[in-house]
Amino acid sequence: MQLGARYDGSAVVAGEDGDDVPPDSLTRYTPSGVPGGRAPHLWLGGGRGPGSSLFDRFGPGFTLLRLGRNAPRAQALRTAAAVRGVPLTVLDVPDPAARELYGRDLALVRPDQHLAWRGDREPGDADALLARLVGG
């Protein structure tokens, strides 16, 4: 249940209408890139040791995943985070399997490793999105 805990409808999660939220289950975890759930795991490269887990690369604050080979630069999100003083690590994950797993080109992961937002392009108002996600 811990891995499958979700925060759908939370004020600090920006999901999309029509997102296919995985069903609740006490016995089975279904990885999903839908905001509100724990970020799905992925091994990076061929290794399985320290530093090879996607989670090992998350920053101490928010982490913006740029997924696939054609992900947007996300400069507006970077700028908005810097202006607000929100710690943001930007992580490029060009592996097509990562893009498929998360379902979008960009995914913003909260410090607790749950997905806060995702999109194929930057939000129209990056500052407003960050204000919502950090509660201010």
N, C-alpha and C. Protein backbone atom coordinates (compact mmCIF):
# COMPACT_ATOMS: atom_id res chain seq x y z
N MET A 1 0.81 -1.20 0.00
CA MET A 1 0.00 0.00 0.00
C MET A 1 0.85 1.26 0.00
N GLN A 2 2.02 1.21 0.63
CA GLN A 2 2.87 2.40 0.69
C GLN A 2 3.25 2.89 -0.70
N LEU A 3 3.64 1.97 -1.58
CA LEU A 3 4.03 2.38 -2.93
C LEU A 3 2.84 2.88 -3.73
N GLY A 4 1.66 2.38 -3.47
CA GLY A 4 0.48 2.76 -4.22
C GLY A 4 -0.27 3.94 -3.66
N ALA A 5 0.20 4.54 -2.57
CA ALA A 5 -0.49 5.69 -1.98
C ALA A 5 -0.52 6.82 -3.00
N ARG A 6 -1.67 7.48 -3.13
CA ARG A 6 -1.83 8.55 -4.11
C ARG A 6 -2.40 9.79 -3.44
N TYR A 7 -2.15 10.93 -4.05
CA TYR A 7 -2.64 12.21 -3.57
C TYR A 7 -3.51 12.87 -4.63
N ASP A 8 -4.36 12.09 -5.28
CA ASP A 8 -5.24 12.64 -6.30
C ASP A 8 -6.15 13.68 -5.69
N GLY A 9 -6.29 14.79 -6.40
CA GLY A 9 -7.16 15.86 -5.93
C GLY A 9 -6.53 16.77 -4.89
N SER A 10 -5.29 16.52 -4.51
CA SER A 10 -4.61 17.37 -3.54
C SER A 10 -4.38 18.76 -4.13
N ALA A 11 -4.40 19.76 -3.27
CA ALA A 11 -4.15 21.14 -3.71
C ALA A 11 -2.72 21.33 -4.21
N VAL A 12 -1.80 20.46 -3.82
CA VAL A 12 -0.40 20.61 -4.23
C VAL A 12 0.01 19.59 -5.30
N VAL A 13 -0.98 19.12 -6.05
CA VAL A 13 -0.75 18.25 -7.20
C VAL A 13 -1.56 18.80 -8.36
N ALA A 14 -0.95 18.90 -9.54
CA ALA A 14 -1.63 19.43 -10.72
C ALA A 14 -1.81 18.32 -11.74
N GLY A 15 -2.88 17.54 -11.58
CA GLY A 15 -3.20 16.48 -12.53
C GLY A 15 -4.03 17.04 -13.67
N GLU A 16 -4.33 16.19 -14.63
CA GLU A 16 -5.12 16.58 -15.78
C GLU A 16 -6.43 15.82 -15.78
N ASP A 17 -7.49 16.47 -16.25
CA ASP A 17 -8.76 15.76 -16.42
C ASP A 17 -8.54 14.62 -17.40
N GLY A 18 -9.10 13.48 -17.10
CA GLY A 18 -8.99 12.35 -18.00
C GLY A 18 -7.75 11.49 -17.78
N ASP A 19 -6.90 11.85 -16.79
CA ASP A 19 -5.75 11.01 -16.48
C ASP A 19 -6.24 9.62 -16.07
N ASP A 20 -5.59 8.60 -16.55
CA ASP A 20 -5.97 7.23 -16.24
C ASP A 20 -5.29 6.80 -14.94
N VAL A 21 -5.92 7.09 -13.82
CA VAL A 21 -5.38 6.77 -12.50
C VAL A 21 -5.47 5.26 -12.27
N PRO A 22 -4.35 4.65 -11.85
CA PRO A 22 -4.39 3.20 -11.61
C PRO A 22 -5.35 2.87 -10.46
N PRO A 23 -5.97 1.70 -10.50
CA PRO A 23 -6.90 1.32 -9.44
C PRO A 23 -6.17 1.07 -8.12
N ASP A 24 -6.86 1.33 -7.02
CA ASP A 24 -6.31 1.03 -5.70
C ASP A 24 -6.23 -0.49 -5.52
N SER A 25 -5.15 -0.92 -4.89
CA SER A 25 -5.00 -2.34 -4.58
C SER A 25 -4.08 -2.49 -3.38
N LEU A 26 -4.48 -3.32 -2.44
CA LEU A 26 -3.64 -3.57 -1.27
C LEU A 26 -2.51 -4.54 -1.59
N THR A 27 -2.61 -5.27 -2.68
CA THR A 27 -1.63 -6.31 -2.97
C THR A 27 -0.80 -6.09 -4.23
N ARG A 28 -1.18 -5.13 -5.05
CA ARG A 28 -0.43 -4.92 -6.29
C ARG A 28 -0.18 -3.44 -6.53
N TYR A 29 1.07 -3.10 -6.79
CA TYR A 29 1.47 -1.74 -7.13
C TYR A 29 1.53 -1.61 -8.65
N THR A 30 0.86 -0.62 -9.19
CA THR A 30 0.88 -0.36 -10.62
C THR A 30 1.62 0.95 -10.85
N PRO A 31 2.85 0.91 -11.39
CA PRO A 31 3.58 2.15 -11.66
C PRO A 31 2.80 3.02 -12.64
N SER A 32 2.79 4.31 -12.39
CA SER A 32 2.05 5.23 -13.25
C SER A 32 2.70 6.60 -13.21
N GLY A 33 2.71 7.27 -14.35
CA GLY A 33 3.22 8.63 -14.43
C GLY A 33 2.17 9.68 -14.16
N VAL A 34 0.99 9.27 -13.71
CA VAL A 34 -0.09 10.22 -13.42
C VAL A 34 0.24 10.99 -12.14
N PRO A 35 0.19 12.34 -12.18
CA PRO A 35 0.46 13.13 -10.98
C PRO A 35 -0.41 12.69 -9.80
N GLY A 36 0.20 12.72 -8.62
CA GLY A 36 -0.47 12.31 -7.39
C GLY A 36 0.09 11.02 -6.84
N GLY A 37 0.72 10.21 -7.68
CA GLY A 37 1.30 8.95 -7.25
C GLY A 37 2.81 9.03 -7.14
N ARG A 38 3.39 8.00 -6.57
CA ARG A 38 4.84 7.94 -6.45
C ARG A 38 5.46 7.85 -7.84
N ALA A 39 6.56 8.55 -8.04
CA ALA A 39 7.26 8.51 -9.32
C ALA A 39 7.66 7.08 -9.64
N PRO A 40 7.38 6.60 -10.84
CA PRO A 40 7.77 5.23 -11.18
C PRO A 40 9.29 5.09 -11.24
N HIS A 41 9.77 3.93 -10.83
CA HIS A 41 11.21 3.66 -10.82
C HIS A 41 11.69 3.22 -12.20
N LEU A 42 12.95 3.52 -12.46
CA LEU A 42 13.59 3.10 -13.69
C LEU A 42 15.07 2.95 -13.43
N TRP A 43 15.66 1.86 -13.89
CA TRP A 43 17.11 1.71 -13.83
C TRP A 43 17.72 2.47 -14.99
N LEU A 44 18.75 3.24 -14.72
CA LEU A 44 19.41 4.02 -15.75
C LEU A 44 20.69 3.32 -16.19
N GLY A 45 20.91 3.25 -17.48
CA GLY A 45 22.09 2.55 -17.97
C GLY A 45 21.92 1.06 -17.75
N GLY A 46 23.03 0.34 -17.80
CA GLY A 46 22.96 -1.10 -17.64
C GLY A 46 23.17 -1.57 -16.22
N GLY A 47 23.49 -0.66 -15.31
CA GLY A 47 23.82 -1.06 -13.95
C GLY A 47 22.64 -1.24 -13.04
N ARG A 48 22.91 -1.86 -11.91
CA ARG A 48 21.91 -2.04 -10.86
C ARG A 48 22.52 -1.70 -9.51
N GLY A 49 23.54 -0.86 -9.52
CA GLY A 49 24.22 -0.51 -8.28
C GLY A 49 23.91 0.91 -7.87
N PRO A 50 24.60 1.41 -6.83
CA PRO A 50 24.39 2.78 -6.36
C PRO A 50 24.58 3.79 -7.50
N GLY A 51 23.62 4.70 -7.61
CA GLY A 51 23.67 5.70 -8.65
C GLY A 51 22.98 5.28 -9.94
N SER A 52 22.58 4.02 -10.06
CA SER A 52 21.92 3.53 -11.27
C SER A 52 20.40 3.68 -11.21
N SER A 53 19.85 3.88 -10.03
CA SER A 53 18.41 4.05 -9.86
C SER A 53 18.04 5.50 -10.17
N LEU A 54 16.92 5.68 -10.86
CA LEU A 54 16.43 7.03 -11.11
C LEU A 54 16.28 7.79 -9.79
N PHE A 55 15.80 7.11 -8.75
CA PHE A 55 15.62 7.77 -7.45
C PHE A 55 16.94 8.28 -6.87
N ASP A 56 18.05 7.62 -7.18
CA ASP A 56 19.36 8.07 -6.71
C ASP A 56 19.74 9.43 -7.29
N ARG A 57 19.11 9.79 -8.38
CA ARG A 57 19.47 11.03 -9.09
C ARG A 57 18.54 12.20 -8.76
N PHE A 58 17.45 11.90 -8.03
CA PHE A 58 16.56 13.00 -7.65
C PHE A 58 17.30 13.96 -6.73
N GLY A 59 16.98 15.26 -6.86
CA GLY A 59 17.59 16.25 -5.99
C GLY A 59 16.89 16.30 -4.64
N PRO A 60 17.42 17.13 -3.72
CA PRO A 60 16.83 17.23 -2.38
C PRO A 60 15.51 18.01 -2.36
N GLY A 61 15.26 18.81 -3.40
CA GLY A 61 14.01 19.55 -3.50
C GLY A 61 13.15 18.92 -4.59
N PHE A 62 12.63 19.75 -5.47
CA PHE A 62 11.89 19.26 -6.62
C PHE A 62 12.87 18.78 -7.68
N THR A 63 12.44 17.82 -8.50
CA THR A 63 13.24 17.36 -9.62
C THR A 63 12.38 17.41 -10.88
N LEU A 64 12.89 18.09 -11.89
CA LEU A 64 12.22 18.15 -13.18
C LEU A 64 12.88 17.12 -14.09
N LEU A 65 12.10 16.14 -14.50
CA LEU A 65 12.58 15.12 -15.43
C LEU A 65 12.29 15.56 -16.85
N ARG A 66 13.33 15.60 -17.67
CA ARG A 66 13.19 15.84 -19.10
C ARG A 66 13.31 14.47 -19.76
N LEU A 67 12.20 13.94 -20.26
CA LEU A 67 12.12 12.54 -20.66
C LEU A 67 12.12 12.36 -22.17
N GLY A 68 12.86 11.40 -22.65
CA GLY A 68 12.96 11.13 -24.07
C GLY A 68 13.99 12.04 -24.72
N ARG A 69 14.10 11.90 -26.02
CA ARG A 69 15.16 12.62 -26.75
C ARG A 69 14.76 14.03 -27.18
N ASN A 70 13.47 14.36 -27.11
CA ASN A 70 13.01 15.66 -27.61
C ASN A 70 12.29 16.49 -26.56
N ALA A 71 12.67 16.33 -25.31
CA ALA A 71 12.00 17.06 -24.22
C ALA A 71 12.30 18.56 -24.31
N PRO A 72 11.31 19.39 -24.01
CA PRO A 72 11.53 20.84 -23.99
C PRO A 72 12.60 21.23 -22.96
N ARG A 73 13.25 22.35 -23.18
CA ARG A 73 14.28 22.82 -22.25
C ARG A 73 13.70 23.20 -20.89
N ALA A 74 12.48 23.64 -20.87
CA ALA A 74 11.78 23.99 -19.63
C ALA A 74 12.42 25.19 -18.93
N GLN A 75 12.82 26.17 -19.70
CA GLN A 75 13.47 27.35 -19.13
C GLN A 75 12.53 28.16 -18.23
N ALA A 76 11.26 28.26 -18.58
CA ALA A 76 10.33 29.02 -17.73
C ALA A 76 10.19 28.39 -16.35
N LEU A 77 10.15 27.06 -16.28
CA LEU A 77 10.08 26.39 -14.97
C LEU A 77 11.37 26.61 -14.18
N ARG A 78 12.49 26.54 -14.85
CA ARG A 78 13.78 26.78 -14.18
C ARG A 78 13.84 28.20 -13.61
N THR A 79 13.41 29.16 -14.43
CA THR A 79 13.44 30.56 -13.99
C THR A 79 12.48 30.81 -12.84
N ALA A 80 11.26 30.29 -12.95
CA ALA A 80 10.27 30.47 -11.89
C ALA A 80 10.76 29.87 -10.58
N ALA A 81 11.38 28.70 -10.64
CA ALA A 81 11.91 28.08 -9.43
C ALA A 81 13.02 28.93 -8.82
N ALA A 82 13.90 29.45 -9.64
CA ALA A 82 15.00 30.28 -9.13
C ALA A 82 14.46 31.55 -8.47
N VAL A 83 13.50 32.20 -9.11
CA VAL A 83 12.92 33.44 -8.57
C VAL A 83 12.22 33.18 -7.24
N ARG A 84 11.54 32.05 -7.12
CA ARG A 84 10.82 31.70 -5.88
C ARG A 84 11.72 31.07 -4.82
N GLY A 85 12.95 30.74 -5.19
CA GLY A 85 13.84 30.08 -4.24
C GLY A 85 13.47 28.62 -4.01
N VAL A 86 12.82 27.99 -4.98
CA VAL A 86 12.43 26.59 -4.89
C VAL A 86 13.58 25.74 -5.41
N PRO A 87 14.16 24.89 -4.59
CA PRO A 87 15.26 24.04 -5.07
C PRO A 87 14.76 23.13 -6.21
N LEU A 88 15.46 23.17 -7.33
CA LEU A 88 15.05 22.40 -8.51
C LEU A 88 16.27 21.77 -9.15
N THR A 89 16.24 20.45 -9.27
CA THR A 89 17.24 19.70 -10.01
C THR A 89 16.62 19.33 -11.34
N VAL A 90 17.32 19.56 -12.43
CA VAL A 90 16.84 19.17 -13.76
C VAL A 90 17.62 17.94 -14.19
N LEU A 91 16.90 16.90 -14.54
CA LEU A 91 17.53 15.63 -14.88
C LEU A 91 17.07 15.19 -16.26
N ASP A 92 18.03 15.04 -17.17
CA ASP A 92 17.74 14.55 -18.52
C ASP A 92 17.78 13.03 -18.52
N VAL A 93 16.69 12.43 -18.98
CA VAL A 93 16.59 10.97 -19.08
C VAL A 93 16.16 10.66 -20.52
N PRO A 94 17.12 10.52 -21.44
CA PRO A 94 16.77 10.36 -22.86
C PRO A 94 16.20 9.00 -23.24
N ASP A 95 16.27 8.03 -22.37
CA ASP A 95 15.79 6.68 -22.67
C ASP A 95 14.31 6.71 -23.05
N PRO A 96 13.95 6.22 -24.25
CA PRO A 96 12.53 6.20 -24.65
C PRO A 96 11.64 5.44 -23.67
N ALA A 97 12.19 4.45 -22.97
CA ALA A 97 11.39 3.70 -21.99
C ALA A 97 10.94 4.62 -20.85
N ALA A 98 11.77 5.59 -20.49
CA ALA A 98 11.39 6.54 -19.43
C ALA A 98 10.24 7.42 -19.89
N ARG A 99 10.32 7.89 -21.13
CA ARG A 99 9.26 8.73 -21.69
C ARG A 99 7.94 7.94 -21.72
N GLU A 100 8.01 6.69 -22.11
CA GLU A 100 6.82 5.85 -22.17
C GLU A 100 6.25 5.60 -20.77
N LEU A 101 7.12 5.36 -19.79
CA LEU A 101 6.69 5.08 -18.43
C LEU A 101 5.96 6.27 -17.82
N TYR A 102 6.48 7.48 -18.05
CA TYR A 102 5.88 8.68 -17.47
C TYR A 102 4.77 9.27 -18.33
N GLY A 103 4.74 8.93 -19.61
CA GLY A 103 3.64 9.35 -20.47
C GLY A 103 3.67 10.77 -20.96
N ARG A 104 4.69 11.53 -20.63
CA ARG A 104 4.84 12.92 -21.07
C ARG A 104 6.34 13.23 -21.20
N ASP A 105 6.64 14.39 -21.81
CA ASP A 105 8.03 14.80 -22.00
C ASP A 105 8.65 15.42 -20.75
N LEU A 106 7.83 15.99 -19.90
CA LEU A 106 8.30 16.63 -18.66
C LEU A 106 7.51 16.08 -17.48
N ALA A 107 8.19 15.86 -16.38
CA ALA A 107 7.53 15.42 -15.15
C ALA A 107 8.21 16.10 -13.97
N LEU A 108 7.43 16.71 -13.11
CA LEU A 108 7.96 17.40 -11.94
C LEU A 108 7.69 16.55 -10.70
N VAL A 109 8.77 16.16 -10.03
CA VAL A 109 8.69 15.28 -8.87
C VAL A 109 8.89 16.10 -7.60
N ARG A 110 8.01 15.89 -6.63
CA ARG A 110 8.10 16.59 -5.34
C ARG A 110 9.24 16.01 -4.52
N PRO A 111 9.64 16.70 -3.46
CA PRO A 111 10.70 16.16 -2.58
C PRO A 111 10.37 14.81 -1.95
N ASP A 112 9.08 14.47 -1.84
CA ASP A 112 8.69 13.17 -1.28
C ASP A 112 8.58 12.08 -2.35
N GLN A 113 9.07 12.36 -3.55
CA GLN A 113 9.13 11.44 -4.68
C GLN A 113 7.76 11.12 -5.29
N HIS A 114 6.79 11.96 -5.04
CA HIS A 114 5.50 11.84 -5.70
C HIS A 114 5.45 12.85 -6.85
N LEU A 115 4.72 12.51 -7.89
CA LEU A 115 4.61 13.39 -9.05
C LEU A 115 3.67 14.55 -8.75
N ALA A 116 4.15 15.74 -9.04
CA ALA A 116 3.35 16.94 -8.81
C ALA A 116 2.66 17.41 -10.09
N TRP A 117 3.33 17.20 -11.24
CA TRP A 117 2.82 17.71 -12.52
C TRP A 117 3.55 16.99 -13.64
N ARG A 118 2.91 16.95 -14.81
CA ARG A 118 3.59 16.46 -16.02
C ARG A 118 2.97 17.13 -17.23
N GLY A 119 3.73 17.19 -18.32
CA GLY A 119 3.22 17.78 -19.55
C GLY A 119 4.18 17.55 -20.70
N ASP A 120 3.68 17.75 -21.91
CA ASP A 120 4.52 17.64 -23.09
C ASP A 120 5.16 18.97 -23.45
N ARG A 121 4.70 20.04 -22.81
CA ARG A 121 5.31 21.36 -22.96
C ARG A 121 5.19 22.06 -21.61
N GLU A 122 5.90 23.14 -21.49
CA GLU A 122 5.86 23.86 -20.21
C GLU A 122 4.45 24.38 -19.95
N PRO A 123 4.12 24.58 -18.68
CA PRO A 123 2.80 25.16 -18.37
C PRO A 123 2.74 26.59 -18.88
N GLY A 124 1.53 27.06 -19.16
CA GLY A 124 1.36 28.43 -19.64
C GLY A 124 1.87 29.46 -18.64
N ASP A 125 1.74 29.19 -17.37
CA ASP A 125 2.22 30.09 -16.32
C ASP A 125 3.01 29.26 -15.30
N ALA A 126 4.32 29.17 -15.53
CA ALA A 126 5.19 28.34 -14.69
C ALA A 126 5.20 28.84 -13.24
N ASP A 127 5.14 30.14 -13.05
CA ASP A 127 5.15 30.69 -11.69
C ASP A 127 3.88 30.30 -10.93
N ALA A 128 2.74 30.39 -11.60
CA ALA A 128 1.47 30.01 -10.95
C ALA A 128 1.47 28.52 -10.60
N LEU A 129 2.03 27.69 -11.49
CA LEU A 129 2.11 26.27 -11.18
C LEU A 129 2.97 26.03 -9.94
N LEU A 130 4.13 26.63 -9.89
CA LEU A 130 4.99 26.43 -8.72
C LEU A 130 4.36 26.98 -7.45
N ALA A 131 3.67 28.12 -7.56
CA ALA A 131 2.97 28.67 -6.40
C ALA A 131 1.97 27.66 -5.86
N ARG A 132 1.22 27.04 -6.74
CA ARG A 132 0.26 26.02 -6.31
C ARG A 132 0.96 24.84 -5.67
N LEU A 133 2.02 24.35 -6.29
CA LEU A 133 2.69 23.14 -5.81
C LEU A 133 3.39 23.31 -4.48
N VAL A 134 3.83 24.52 -4.19
CA VAL A 134 4.53 24.74 -2.90
C VAL A 134 3.60 25.39 -1.88
N GLY A 135 2.33 25.59 -2.26
CA GLY A 135 1.35 26.12 -1.32
C GLY A 135 1.50 27.59 -1.05
N GLY A 136 1.89 28.35 -2.03
CA GLY A 136 2.02 29.78 -1.79
C GLY A 136 1.98 30.53 -3.01
